[in-house]
Amino acid sequence: MVGIQNNQKITKKHAIVIGGGIAGIYSATLLQEKGYRVSLIEHRKFLGGRTYSVKESLKSQYDNGQHLLMGCYENLLRFFNKIGSIDRLKFQDSFSVKIIEKTGKTGIIRDTKYIPFGLMLLVSLLQYPYIGFQEKLSAIYTLVKMKFINRKKPKYQNFSFLKWLDDNGQSKNVIEKFWNLVILPTLNDHVSNISADMGFMVFQESILRGNRYVRLGFPKGTLDEIIAIPGSEYIRNAGGDIYLGNGVTKLLYEDNKITNIELRDGTKLSADVVISAIPSNSLYNILPQELKSNNFFSSLPKIKHASIVNIHIWLNTKIMNDQFINIIDSPLQWIFNKSLDDNKYQIIDISISDSKDLLQKTTIDIMDLVFSELKDIFSEFDVKFVDKYKIIKERKATFRCTPNSKEYRLTNISPVDNLYIAGDWVDTGWPSTMESAALSASNVVNEIESNNKNK
């Protein structure tokens, strides 16, 4: 209840948000801003979704993996600003990535501030040591051509980014050592598996958009400190309820409305508006049978997913000075230095995208591979430097942006009168990123408001 007007009680509309990741938290805060009383439901005992922190003790916390931000993540940055954690982020002064070979050769792709129109990487690309001069010229020409392509044309959903690169004269070497170097960590997939429009999107929204959009950002603390803790405080301070460790088991449906949601412990809740902000497979599992067969929802099982494996290693000796590096000829892909200010001890996070080959390997097999690779990359490395390690396998880390996958991505508005859909996998025009999650939340609340005005 928010007040009394003309002797009538004014009651807030109630909204239920299912899912406590970025899309769910942001949806909840935006609905509260619009005057809704919000209940947020999360099946785990903590918020954060796929961006969470692991707590071994009060003094030992670490993130499930390294989550990079970019300057082009405008909706995500608005989310952090709203919940009050924007000052917990640190961005590069200018874009720079060090790329090394195990032989010791080093290349750096960096921002060249004085070249306009989002073509600032051209100078560093000319100096890039892993591709030949003619390959460099061809890559630069292709970048310029890409800048002026309208990626929203339907035809670019029909074939892979690799096919488009092949058709535009890109050699296998430049594809692996430049194009895929950008695509793999961004889309968690190889250029051969993603649609052409999503490949264009990655370059057009960052490198080709301008200097400030491509800068990389890092959380100063843990993901809990920038997402879960300030997010839950914001929701509760605004009068919202958060249900943790008691997920939704089914949606109850009648007269084309979700009449109730049923929780694991049998509790039933009802609301004027229900937002699903959970992964596509999780939504499908809680739908009543009559909705599973609805044309709108029936494509959900067709959405494919890719995995990410992160290996956290605690070292008693410092082996790495850079904040992060990419290894061009190693399965380890990216190594992040999580303890820049410590001159003695070190924590590193090895991030491996599209890691299906590792999912079935044992811990011993994975660590044998990791230690062997670390020895090749850092000649001084010795297994005796390792105090402990932790492997985190995210089997469904991201949805895959394969050709024609757009037809499986749902819109924010469902055919059910009071059910709306959010999440990074919803059709936002972005791939599976934190920005897509935040954008979906902004879009879904705008749709709810628009529908209310039209009633």
Protein backbone atom coordinates (compact mmCIF):
# COMPACT_ATOMS: atom_id res chain seq x y z
CA MET A 1 0.00 0.00 0.00
CA VAL A 2 1.44 3.38 -0.94
CA GLY A 3 -1.15 5.87 0.31
CA ILE A 4 -4.77 6.99 0.49
CA GLN A 5 -6.47 9.16 -2.09
CA ASN A 6 -10.11 10.26 -1.85
CA ASN A 7 -10.56 7.77 1.00
CA GLN A 8 -9.54 4.92 -1.36
CA LYS A 9 -6.55 2.71 -0.68
CA ILE A 10 -4.02 2.77 -3.51
CA THR A 11 -2.32 -0.58 -3.90
CA LYS A 12 0.86 -1.13 -5.86
CA LYS A 13 0.78 -3.63 -8.66
CA HIS A 14 2.73 -6.76 -7.82
CA ALA A 15 5.43 -8.17 -10.10
CA ILE A 16 7.25 -11.47 -9.75
CA VAL A 17 10.69 -11.78 -11.31
CA ILE A 18 12.00 -15.33 -11.69
CA GLY A 19 15.80 -15.46 -11.75
CA GLY A 20 18.45 -13.55 -9.80
CA GLY A 21 21.04 -12.86 -12.49
CA ILE A 22 21.72 -9.48 -14.06
CA ALA A 23 18.52 -9.58 -16.15
CA GLY A 24 16.42 -10.44 -13.09
CA ILE A 25 17.99 -7.95 -10.70
CA TYR A 26 17.84 -5.11 -13.22
CA SER A 27 14.25 -5.93 -14.18
CA ALA A 28 13.30 -5.84 -10.49
CA THR A 29 14.94 -2.47 -9.86
CA LEU A 30 13.39 -0.90 -12.97
CA LEU A 31 9.93 -2.20 -12.03
CA GLN A 32 10.33 -0.74 -8.54
CA GLU A 33 11.18 2.57 -10.14
CA LYS A 34 7.87 2.31 -12.05
CA GLY A 35 5.96 1.80 -8.80
CA TYR A 36 5.67 -2.00 -8.65
CA ARG A 37 5.95 -4.12 -5.54
CA VAL A 38 8.47 -6.77 -6.57
CA SER A 39 9.22 -10.32 -5.48
CA LEU A 40 12.47 -11.76 -6.86
CA ILE A 41 12.76 -15.56 -6.89
CA GLU A 42 16.15 -17.32 -7.16
CA HIS A 43 16.55 -21.10 -6.87
CA ARG A 44 20.10 -20.86 -5.55
CA LYS A 45 21.04 -19.41 -2.16
CA PHE A 46 22.73 -16.41 -3.76
CA LEU A 47 22.15 -13.86 -6.51
CA GLY A 48 24.27 -13.28 -9.57
CA GLY A 49 23.16 -15.91 -12.06
CA ARG A 50 26.20 -16.92 -14.14
CA THR A 51 28.18 -13.98 -12.71
CA TYR A 52 28.74 -15.06 -9.14
CA SER A 53 31.41 -15.37 -6.47
CA VAL A 54 32.47 -18.57 -4.74
CA LYS A 55 32.81 -18.28 -0.95
CA GLU A 56 35.15 -20.79 0.64
CA SER A 57 35.31 -18.71 3.83
CA LEU A 58 34.89 -15.11 4.93
CA LYS A 59 38.47 -14.43 3.86
CA SER A 60 38.54 -16.59 0.75
CA GLN A 61 36.25 -15.52 -2.09
CA TYR A 62 36.77 -15.63 -5.84
CA ASP A 63 34.62 -15.27 -8.94
CA ASN A 64 33.40 -18.23 -10.97
CA GLY A 65 35.40 -16.76 -13.86
CA GLN A 66 36.84 -13.58 -15.27
CA HIS A 67 34.05 -11.38 -16.61
CA LEU A 68 35.26 -8.52 -18.80
CA LEU A 69 33.25 -5.41 -19.52
CA MET A 70 33.55 -3.11 -22.53
CA GLY A 71 32.89 0.57 -22.96
CA CYS A 72 30.04 -0.28 -25.35
CA TYR A 73 28.11 -2.02 -22.54
CA GLU A 74 25.90 1.03 -22.02
CA ASN A 75 22.89 -0.72 -20.44
CA LEU A 76 25.10 -2.73 -18.10
CA LEU A 77 26.84 0.44 -16.95
CA ARG A 78 23.45 2.05 -16.28
CA PHE A 79 22.58 -1.00 -14.18
CA PHE A 80 25.75 -0.65 -12.11
CA ASN A 81 25.10 3.06 -11.71
CA LYS A 82 21.53 2.39 -10.51
CA ILE A 83 22.53 -0.11 -7.81
CA GLY A 84 25.50 2.02 -6.75
CA SER A 85 28.47 -0.12 -7.76
CA ILE A 86 29.77 1.82 -10.75
CA ASP A 87 32.77 2.99 -8.71
CA ARG A 88 33.76 -0.65 -8.22
CA LEU A 89 34.76 -0.89 -11.89
CA LYS A 90 38.06 0.05 -13.48
CA PHE A 91 38.47 0.61 -17.22
CA GLN A 92 41.62 0.73 -19.28
CA ASP A 93 42.73 4.25 -20.17
CA SER A 94 42.86 2.97 -23.73
CA PHE A 95 42.33 -0.44 -25.29
CA SER A 96 45.36 -2.73 -25.23
CA VAL A 97 45.75 -6.52 -25.39
CA LYS A 98 49.05 -8.40 -25.24
CA ILE A 99 49.15 -11.56 -27.35
CA ILE A 100 52.06 -13.95 -26.92
CA GLU A 101 53.40 -17.16 -28.40
CA LYS A 102 55.02 -19.82 -26.26
CA THR A 103 58.22 -19.13 -28.23
CA GLY A 104 58.36 -15.72 -26.56
CA LYS A 105 57.18 -13.64 -29.53
CA THR A 106 54.87 -10.83 -28.39
CA GLY A 107 52.28 -8.80 -30.24
CA ILE A 108 50.11 -5.98 -28.93
CA ILE A 109 46.85 -4.76 -30.42
CA ARG A 110 46.13 -1.36 -28.98
CA ASP A 111 44.16 1.82 -29.39
CA THR A 112 45.55 4.53 -31.66
CA LYS A 113 43.67 7.54 -30.33
CA TYR A 114 44.24 9.88 -33.24
CA ILE A 115 42.63 7.76 -35.98
CA PRO A 116 38.92 8.65 -36.28
CA PHE A 117 35.81 6.70 -37.26
CA GLY A 118 36.51 3.68 -35.08
CA LEU A 119 39.49 2.45 -37.08
CA MET A 120 42.00 3.01 -34.30
CA LEU A 121 43.52 -0.49 -34.40
CA LEU A 122 44.94 -0.13 -37.89
CA VAL A 123 48.41 1.04 -36.85
CA SER A 124 48.90 -1.74 -34.30
CA LEU A 125 47.49 -4.27 -36.77
CA LEU A 126 50.18 -3.28 -39.27
CA GLN A 127 52.76 -4.08 -36.57
CA TYR A 128 51.07 -7.33 -35.52
CA PRO A 129 53.73 -10.08 -35.86
CA TYR A 130 51.57 -13.16 -36.38
CA ILE A 131 50.21 -12.45 -39.86
CA GLY A 132 51.95 -11.44 -43.09
CA PHE A 133 51.91 -8.01 -44.69
CA GLN A 134 49.43 -8.92 -47.42
CA GLU A 135 47.20 -10.56 -44.79
CA LYS A 136 47.31 -7.35 -42.76
CA LEU A 137 46.25 -5.23 -45.71
CA SER A 138 43.46 -7.66 -46.49
CA ALA A 139 42.27 -7.66 -42.85
CA ILE A 140 42.29 -3.85 -42.74
CA TYR A 141 40.31 -3.63 -45.98
CA THR A 142 37.81 -6.16 -44.61
CA LEU A 143 37.44 -4.19 -41.36
CA VAL A 144 36.71 -1.01 -43.30
CA LYS A 145 34.18 -2.85 -45.47
CA MET A 146 32.53 -4.35 -42.39
CA LYS A 147 32.04 -0.93 -40.84
CA PHE A 148 29.47 0.00 -43.49
CA ILE A 149 27.52 -3.28 -43.60
CA ASN A 150 23.93 -3.30 -42.37
CA ARG A 151 24.10 -6.42 -40.21
CA LYS A 152 20.33 -6.42 -39.63
CA LYS A 153 19.65 -7.66 -43.14
CA PRO A 154 18.11 -11.15 -42.73
CA LYS A 155 20.55 -12.76 -45.16
CA TYR A 156 23.43 -12.38 -42.68
CA GLN A 157 21.67 -14.82 -40.32
CA ASN A 158 21.78 -17.56 -42.93
CA PHE A 159 25.49 -18.37 -43.04
CA SER A 160 28.54 -18.35 -40.80
CA PHE A 161 30.96 -15.54 -40.16
CA LEU A 162 33.71 -17.89 -41.36
CA LYS A 163 32.01 -18.18 -44.75
CA TRP A 164 31.84 -14.40 -45.06
CA LEU A 165 35.53 -14.09 -44.11
CA ASP A 166 36.44 -16.79 -46.65
CA ASP A 167 34.40 -15.04 -49.33
CA ASN A 168 36.29 -11.84 -48.55
CA GLY A 169 39.71 -13.34 -49.03
CA GLN A 170 40.74 -13.93 -45.43
CA SER A 171 43.36 -16.68 -45.11
CA LYS A 172 43.16 -19.48 -42.55
CA ASN A 173 46.12 -17.93 -40.75
CA VAL A 174 44.56 -14.48 -40.36
CA ILE A 175 41.22 -16.00 -39.38
CA GLU A 176 42.80 -17.98 -36.54
CA LYS A 177 45.29 -15.35 -35.39
CA PHE A 178 43.17 -12.23 -35.67
CA TRP A 179 39.45 -12.68 -36.35
CA ASN A 180 38.90 -15.70 -34.11
CA LEU A 181 41.10 -14.13 -31.44
CA VAL A 182 38.38 -11.51 -31.01
CA ILE A 183 35.34 -13.72 -31.59
CA LEU A 184 36.21 -16.70 -29.37
CA PRO A 185 36.33 -14.88 -25.99
CA THR A 186 33.47 -12.56 -26.92
CA LEU A 187 30.96 -15.11 -28.24
CA ASN A 188 32.47 -18.18 -26.58
CA ASP A 189 32.51 -19.89 -29.97
CA HIS A 190 34.61 -20.29 -33.10
CA VAL A 191 34.04 -18.13 -36.20
CA SER A 192 32.88 -21.26 -38.05
CA ASN A 193 29.92 -21.67 -35.66
CA ILE A 194 28.54 -18.15 -35.38
CA SER A 195 26.26 -16.32 -37.79
CA ALA A 196 27.72 -13.56 -39.93
CA ASP A 197 25.52 -10.86 -38.34
CA MET A 198 26.82 -11.69 -34.86
CA GLY A 199 30.41 -11.54 -36.13
CA PHE A 200 29.71 -8.10 -37.62
CA MET A 201 28.04 -7.02 -34.39
CA VAL A 202 31.13 -7.75 -32.27
CA PHE A 203 33.35 -5.52 -34.40
CA GLN A 204 30.79 -2.83 -35.21
CA GLU A 205 29.80 -2.20 -31.59
CA SER A 206 33.36 -2.06 -30.24
CA ILE A 207 36.44 -1.75 -32.44
CA LEU A 208 34.67 -0.04 -35.33
CA ARG A 209 32.49 2.21 -33.19
CA GLY A 210 35.20 4.28 -31.58
CA ASN A 211 37.88 4.47 -28.94
CA ARG A 212 35.87 4.63 -25.74
CA TYR A 213 33.57 1.76 -26.76
CA VAL A 214 36.31 -0.86 -27.06
CA ARG A 215 38.05 -0.21 -23.72
CA LEU A 216 38.06 -3.19 -21.39
CA GLY A 217 36.79 -2.95 -17.83
CA PHE A 218 37.37 -5.09 -14.75
CA PRO A 219 35.63 -5.40 -11.38
CA LYS A 220 37.86 -4.01 -8.63
CA GLY A 221 36.52 -6.59 -6.18
CA THR A 222 34.41 -9.71 -6.53
CA LEU A 223 31.30 -10.06 -8.65
CA ASP A 224 29.27 -10.28 -5.43
CA GLU A 225 30.50 -6.81 -4.53
CA ILE A 226 29.34 -5.26 -7.81
CA ILE A 227 26.18 -7.31 -8.52
CA ALA A 228 24.68 -9.54 -5.81
CA ILE A 229 25.22 -7.44 -2.68
CA PRO A 230 24.32 -3.96 -4.01
CA GLY A 231 21.53 -5.47 -6.13
CA SER A 232 19.85 -7.18 -3.19
CA GLU A 233 20.28 -4.10 -1.00
CA TYR A 234 18.64 -1.90 -3.63
CA ILE A 235 15.65 -4.22 -4.03
CA ARG A 236 15.11 -4.70 -0.29
CA ASN A 237 15.57 -1.00 0.51
CA ALA A 238 12.85 -0.23 -2.04
CA GLY A 239 10.47 -2.64 -0.30
CA GLY A 240 11.01 -5.70 -2.46
CA ASP A 241 11.09 -9.33 -1.33
CA ILE A 242 13.85 -11.76 -2.32
CA TYR A 243 13.33 -15.52 -2.10
CA LEU A 244 16.61 -17.44 -2.13
CA GLY A 245 17.11 -21.20 -2.31
CA ASN A 246 13.47 -21.83 -3.19
CA GLY A 247 13.08 -21.85 -6.94
CA VAL A 248 10.02 -22.03 -9.16
CA THR A 249 8.94 -25.56 -10.07
CA LYS A 250 5.94 -24.73 -12.23
CA LEU A 251 3.86 -21.95 -13.70
CA LEU A 252 0.11 -22.39 -13.20
CA TYR A 253 -1.87 -21.24 -16.23
CA GLU A 254 -5.53 -20.43 -16.84
CA ASP A 255 -7.47 -18.08 -19.15
CA ASN A 256 -4.25 -17.12 -20.92
CA LYS A 257 -2.64 -15.84 -17.72
CA ILE A 258 -0.10 -17.11 -15.23
CA THR A 259 -2.36 -17.39 -12.20
CA ASN A 260 0.28 -18.60 -9.75
CA ILE A 261 3.87 -19.70 -9.56
CA GLU A 262 4.67 -22.66 -7.37
CA LEU A 263 7.93 -22.79 -5.41
CA ARG A 264 9.95 -25.83 -4.44
CA ASP A 265 8.51 -25.85 -0.91
CA GLY A 266 4.93 -25.74 -2.23
CA THR A 267 4.38 -22.03 -1.70
CA LYS A 268 2.19 -20.41 -4.35
CA LEU A 269 2.52 -16.75 -5.31
CA SER A 270 0.48 -14.64 -7.68
CA ALA A 271 1.16 -11.30 -9.33
CA ASP A 272 -0.13 -8.88 -11.93
CA VAL A 273 3.05 -9.33 -13.97
CA VAL A 274 5.49 -12.26 -14.17
CA ILE A 275 8.93 -11.87 -15.74
CA SER A 276 10.99 -14.95 -16.52
CA ALA A 277 14.67 -14.01 -16.34
CA ILE A 278 16.09 -17.52 -16.31
CA PRO A 279 17.92 -19.54 -19.01
CA SER A 280 15.87 -20.86 -21.94
CA ASN A 281 16.05 -24.50 -20.81
CA SER A 282 14.99 -23.55 -17.27
CA LEU A 283 11.98 -21.63 -18.57
CA TYR A 284 10.92 -24.57 -20.74
CA ASN A 285 11.08 -26.92 -17.75
CA ILE A 286 8.58 -24.90 -15.67
CA LEU A 287 6.08 -24.23 -18.44
CA PRO A 288 2.73 -26.06 -18.32
CA GLN A 289 2.35 -28.63 -21.08
CA GLU A 290 -0.11 -26.55 -23.10
CA LEU A 291 2.47 -23.74 -23.35
CA LYS A 292 5.35 -26.07 -24.23
CA SER A 293 3.47 -26.99 -27.39
CA ASN A 294 2.69 -23.36 -28.22
CA ASN A 295 4.59 -22.19 -31.34
CA PHE A 296 6.14 -19.34 -29.37
CA PHE A 297 7.75 -21.61 -26.75
CA SER A 298 8.24 -24.85 -28.69
CA SER A 299 11.58 -23.73 -30.16
CA LEU A 300 13.24 -23.30 -26.74
CA PRO A 301 14.87 -26.78 -26.73
CA LYS A 302 16.55 -25.90 -30.03
CA ILE A 303 18.74 -23.23 -28.43
CA LYS A 304 22.27 -24.60 -28.13
CA HIS A 305 24.83 -23.76 -25.47
CA ALA A 306 28.61 -23.51 -25.17
CA SER A 307 30.78 -24.09 -22.12
CA ILE A 308 33.53 -22.17 -20.36
CA VAL A 309 36.13 -23.68 -18.04
CA ASN A 310 38.01 -21.51 -15.56
CA ILE A 311 41.02 -22.76 -13.62
CA HIS A 312 41.97 -20.73 -10.56
CA ILE A 313 45.49 -21.28 -9.25
CA TRP A 314 46.97 -19.91 -6.03
CA LEU A 315 50.76 -19.54 -6.30
CA ASN A 316 53.36 -18.89 -3.62
CA THR A 317 55.63 -17.24 -6.21
CA LYS A 318 54.86 -14.48 -8.70
CA ILE A 319 55.21 -15.57 -12.33
CA MET A 320 53.19 -12.94 -14.22
CA ASN A 321 53.39 -9.13 -14.29
CA ASP A 322 50.69 -8.26 -16.83
CA GLN A 323 47.05 -7.85 -15.84
CA PHE A 324 46.08 -10.33 -18.54
CA ILE A 325 47.52 -12.00 -21.63
CA ASN A 326 46.25 -14.03 -24.55
CA ILE A 327 48.30 -17.04 -25.66
CA ILE A 328 47.92 -17.57 -29.37
CA ASP A 329 49.16 -21.17 -29.56
CA SER A 330 47.90 -22.65 -26.31
CA PRO A 331 44.62 -24.28 -25.24
CA LEU A 332 44.75 -22.05 -22.13
CA GLN A 333 43.71 -19.04 -24.27
CA TRP A 334 43.57 -16.28 -21.60
CA ILE A 335 45.38 -15.85 -18.28
CA PHE A 336 44.31 -13.14 -15.83
CA ASN A 337 46.40 -11.87 -12.95
CA LYS A 338 44.03 -11.53 -9.99
CA SER A 339 46.59 -10.13 -7.54
CA LEU A 340 48.34 -7.28 -9.33
CA ASP A 341 49.35 -5.51 -6.13
CA ASP A 342 50.96 -8.53 -4.46
CA ASN A 343 54.68 -8.84 -5.16
CA LYS A 344 55.06 -12.27 -3.58
CA TYR A 345 51.94 -14.40 -3.84
CA GLN A 346 49.77 -14.61 -6.93
CA ILE A 347 46.33 -15.83 -7.99
CA ILE A 348 45.77 -16.47 -11.69
CA ASP A 349 42.56 -17.32 -13.52
CA ILE A 350 42.88 -19.29 -16.77
CA SER A 351 39.79 -18.87 -18.94
CA ILE A 352 39.04 -21.35 -21.74
CA SER A 353 36.10 -20.60 -24.05
CA ASP A 354 34.16 -23.19 -26.04
CA SER A 355 35.73 -25.79 -23.78
CA LYS A 356 33.71 -28.90 -24.62
CA ASP A 357 36.90 -30.99 -24.93
CA LEU A 358 37.66 -30.38 -21.24
CA LEU A 359 34.24 -31.19 -19.83
CA GLN A 360 34.81 -34.94 -19.74
CA LYS A 361 38.43 -34.79 -18.59
CA THR A 362 39.33 -35.61 -15.01
CA THR A 363 40.81 -33.01 -12.69
CA ILE A 364 44.19 -34.72 -12.90
CA ASP A 365 44.17 -34.70 -16.71
CA ILE A 366 43.17 -31.02 -16.84
CA MET A 367 45.82 -29.95 -14.35
CA ASP A 368 48.53 -32.00 -16.09
CA LEU A 369 47.68 -30.08 -19.28
CA VAL A 370 47.61 -26.73 -17.44
CA PHE A 371 50.94 -27.26 -15.69
CA SER A 372 52.62 -28.35 -18.91
CA GLU A 373 51.32 -25.28 -20.74
CA LEU A 374 52.30 -22.92 -17.92
CA LYS A 375 55.84 -24.30 -18.06
CA ASP A 376 55.98 -23.49 -21.79
CA ILE A 377 54.55 -19.99 -21.29
CA PHE A 378 56.50 -19.06 -18.13
CA SER A 379 59.87 -20.79 -18.20
CA GLU A 380 60.37 -20.27 -14.46
CA PHE A 381 57.10 -22.00 -13.52
CA ASP A 382 57.31 -25.06 -11.27
CA VAL A 383 54.49 -27.17 -9.86
CA LYS A 384 55.92 -26.58 -6.39
CA PHE A 385 54.77 -22.95 -6.74
CA VAL A 386 51.15 -24.14 -6.59
CA ASP A 387 49.44 -23.93 -3.19
CA LYS A 388 46.00 -24.94 -4.45
CA TYR A 389 43.75 -24.86 -7.49
CA LYS A 390 40.06 -24.92 -8.34
CA ILE A 391 38.39 -25.87 -11.62
CA ILE A 392 34.94 -24.43 -12.42
CA LYS A 393 33.10 -25.89 -15.39
CA GLU A 394 30.17 -23.83 -16.67
CA ARG A 395 28.56 -26.35 -19.01
CA LYS A 396 25.92 -23.93 -20.32
CA ALA A 397 27.81 -20.69 -19.94
CA THR A 398 26.37 -19.01 -23.03
CA PHE A 399 23.86 -19.69 -25.76
CA ARG A 400 25.38 -20.23 -29.20
CA CYS A 401 24.80 -17.65 -31.94
CA THR A 402 24.74 -20.18 -34.75
CA PRO A 403 23.31 -19.34 -38.21
CA ASN A 404 19.52 -19.01 -38.07
CA SER A 405 19.52 -19.15 -34.25
CA LYS A 406 17.69 -15.82 -34.14
CA GLU A 407 14.44 -17.64 -34.92
CA TYR A 408 14.73 -19.51 -31.60
CA ARG A 409 15.33 -16.40 -29.47
CA LEU A 410 12.08 -15.24 -27.92
CA THR A 411 10.78 -11.69 -27.82
CA ASN A 412 10.15 -9.90 -24.53
CA ILE A 413 6.38 -10.15 -25.03
CA SER A 414 4.94 -13.66 -24.85
CA PRO A 415 1.47 -14.77 -26.03
CA VAL A 416 0.50 -15.14 -22.35
CA ASP A 417 -1.14 -11.91 -21.19
CA ASN A 418 0.95 -11.32 -18.06
CA LEU A 419 4.16 -13.28 -18.84
CA TYR A 420 7.23 -11.45 -20.13
CA ILE A 421 10.67 -12.79 -21.01
CA ALA A 422 14.12 -11.37 -20.15
CA GLY A 423 17.63 -12.79 -20.26
CA ASP A 424 20.75 -12.52 -22.37
CA TRP A 425 19.33 -15.16 -24.77
CA VAL A 426 16.20 -13.15 -25.60
CA ASP A 427 16.27 -11.42 -28.99
CA THR A 428 18.19 -8.27 -28.07
CA GLY A 429 20.38 -8.15 -31.18
CA TRP A 430 23.37 -8.92 -28.95
CA PRO A 431 25.16 -12.19 -28.25
CA SER A 432 25.30 -13.89 -24.85
CA THR A 433 26.87 -11.10 -22.80
CA MET A 434 26.19 -9.17 -19.61
CA GLU A 435 25.15 -6.27 -21.84
CA SER A 436 22.52 -8.41 -23.52
CA ALA A 437 21.14 -9.38 -20.11
CA ALA A 438 20.92 -5.75 -18.99
CA LEU A 439 19.46 -4.64 -22.33
CA SER A 440 16.77 -7.34 -22.14
CA ALA A 441 15.73 -6.04 -18.69
CA SER A 442 15.45 -2.48 -19.96
CA ASN A 443 13.46 -3.65 -22.99
CA VAL A 444 11.07 -5.85 -21.02
CA VAL A 445 10.15 -3.13 -18.53
CA ASN A 446 9.58 -0.70 -21.41
CA GLU A 447 7.25 -3.27 -23.00
CA ILE A 448 5.32 -3.69 -19.74
CA GLU A 449 4.90 0.06 -19.43
CA SER A 450 3.84 0.35 -23.05
CA ASN A 451 1.22 -2.39 -22.60
CA ASN A 452 -0.13 -0.68 -19.49
CA LYS A 453 -0.56 2.60 -21.36
CA ASN A 454 -2.42 0.87 -24.18
CA LYS A 455 -4.95 -0.80 -21.89
